[in-house]
Protein backbone atom coordinates (compact mmCIF):
# COMPACT_ATOMS: atom_id res chain seq x y z
CA MET A 1 -9.35 30.69 42.49
CA ALA A 2 -10.51 33.51 40.25
CA GLU A 3 -8.24 34.34 37.34
CA THR A 4 -7.50 38.04 36.97
CA THR A 5 -6.08 39.20 33.69
CA GLN A 6 -5.79 42.58 32.08
CA ASP A 7 -8.63 41.67 29.70
CA ASN A 8 -10.96 40.83 32.60
CA LYS A 9 -10.47 44.33 34.04
CA ARG A 10 -11.58 46.05 30.85
CA ALA A 11 -15.30 46.75 30.82
CA THR A 12 -15.39 48.70 27.55
CA ARG A 13 -14.22 47.98 24.03
CA ARG A 14 -10.90 49.46 22.96
CA PHE A 15 -10.38 50.86 19.48
CA ALA A 16 -6.88 50.64 18.01
CA LEU A 17 -6.70 54.15 16.59
CA ARG A 18 -3.69 56.16 15.50
CA LEU A 19 -4.88 59.73 15.98
CA PRO A 20 -2.99 62.92 16.75
CA VAL A 21 -3.73 64.19 20.23
CA SER A 22 -2.66 67.28 22.17
CA VAL A 23 -1.92 66.49 25.82
CA SER A 24 -1.66 69.14 28.56
CA TYR A 25 -0.43 68.50 32.09
CA ALA A 26 1.27 70.21 35.01
CA ASN A 27 4.74 68.94 35.85
CA ASP A 28 6.62 71.81 37.46
CA GLY A 29 4.58 74.19 35.32
CA ALA A 30 2.05 73.76 32.55
CA GLN A 31 3.27 71.69 29.62
CA GLU A 32 1.70 70.62 26.36
CA LYS A 33 2.89 67.75 24.19
CA ALA A 34 1.91 66.41 20.81
CA ALA A 35 1.17 62.70 20.95
CA GLN A 36 -0.40 59.88 18.95
CA THR A 37 -2.99 57.50 20.32
CA ARG A 38 -2.39 53.75 20.43
CA ASP A 39 -5.91 52.88 21.53
CA VAL A 40 -8.99 54.60 22.90
CA SER A 41 -12.02 53.42 24.87
CA ALA A 42 -14.91 55.15 26.63
CA ARG A 43 -12.97 54.97 29.92
CA GLY A 44 -9.35 55.37 28.92
CA ILE A 45 -6.64 56.12 26.40
CA CYS A 46 -3.13 54.98 25.63
CA PHE A 47 -0.87 57.29 23.66
CA TYR A 48 2.77 57.64 22.65
CA VAL A 49 4.83 60.72 23.59
CA ASP A 50 8.52 61.67 23.40
CA SER A 51 9.07 61.72 27.18
CA ALA A 52 7.30 60.23 30.18
CA ILE A 53 4.50 61.89 32.10
CA THR A 54 4.56 60.91 35.77
CA ALA A 55 2.00 58.29 36.85
CA GLY A 56 -0.70 59.97 38.90
CA SER A 57 -0.46 63.24 36.93
CA ALA A 58 -3.71 64.94 35.97
CA ILE A 59 -3.93 65.43 32.20
CA GLU A 60 -6.22 67.08 29.69
CA PHE A 61 -6.26 66.13 26.04
CA THR A 62 -8.21 66.86 22.89
CA LEU A 63 -8.67 64.48 20.00
CA THR A 64 -10.86 64.26 16.91
CA LEU A 65 -12.80 61.05 16.37
CA PRO A 66 -13.03 60.30 12.64
CA PRO A 67 -16.23 59.48 10.71
CA GLU A 68 -15.21 55.80 10.62
CA ILE A 69 -15.78 55.67 14.39
CA THR A 70 -18.66 58.12 14.82
CA LEU A 71 -20.54 56.91 11.72
CA THR A 72 -21.49 60.52 11.06
CA GLU A 73 -19.03 63.42 10.97
CA SER A 74 -15.74 64.02 12.77
CA ILE A 75 -16.24 64.92 16.43
CA ARG A 76 -13.72 66.77 18.62
CA VAL A 77 -13.62 65.61 22.24
CA ARG A 78 -11.84 67.25 25.19
CA CYS A 79 -11.08 64.87 28.06
CA LYS A 80 -9.70 65.13 31.58
CA GLY A 81 -8.14 62.22 33.37
CA LYS A 82 -5.20 60.78 35.24
CA VAL A 83 -2.11 58.87 34.13
CA VAL A 84 -2.23 55.31 35.49
CA ARG A 85 0.74 53.67 33.75
CA VAL A 86 3.89 54.64 31.85
CA ASP A 87 5.81 52.08 29.74
CA ASP A 88 9.12 52.52 27.92
CA GLY A 89 9.79 50.69 24.71
CA GLY A 90 7.25 52.27 22.37
CA PRO A 91 7.96 52.73 18.67
CA ASP A 92 10.85 55.04 17.74
CA GLY A 93 11.90 55.39 21.39
CA LYS A 94 8.55 56.85 22.42
CA VAL A 95 6.90 56.27 25.80
CA ALA A 96 3.44 54.69 26.09
CA VAL A 97 1.21 56.51 28.59
CA ALA A 98 -2.08 54.98 29.74
CA ALA A 99 -4.69 57.20 31.39
CA VAL A 100 -8.23 56.87 32.71
CA ILE A 101 -10.81 59.36 31.44
CA ASP A 102 -12.67 61.01 34.31
CA GLU A 103 -14.72 63.48 32.27
CA TYR A 104 -15.19 64.58 28.68
CA GLU A 105 -17.05 67.08 26.59
CA PHE A 106 -17.86 67.28 22.91
CA LEU A 107 -16.60 70.46 21.28
CA SER A 108 -18.31 72.42 18.55
CA GLU A 109 -16.40 72.97 15.33
CA PRO A 110 -14.19 76.10 15.35
């Protein structure tokens, strides 16, 4: 019998990064929330927010990858995806939201 664990499902490396991120989504109207990442990979993100975002919701978020990750300069990335999991019990009463990244684009500096 094949063993299936959460680690076996992950095909890309996750980076435990605490970065500010701005998350936009539609939940009875457009909303935007400030959040902080827990971890980031090429295919997904997990972040902490003050209140839950419904699983299945389409989201858009922008974050800045620091030079420690890019090995060059800071790079801003805008991503679109979908919430796949919501967990209570984050730090300071926050909610952990996991989302897959469906598409992304690198942004030029303002």
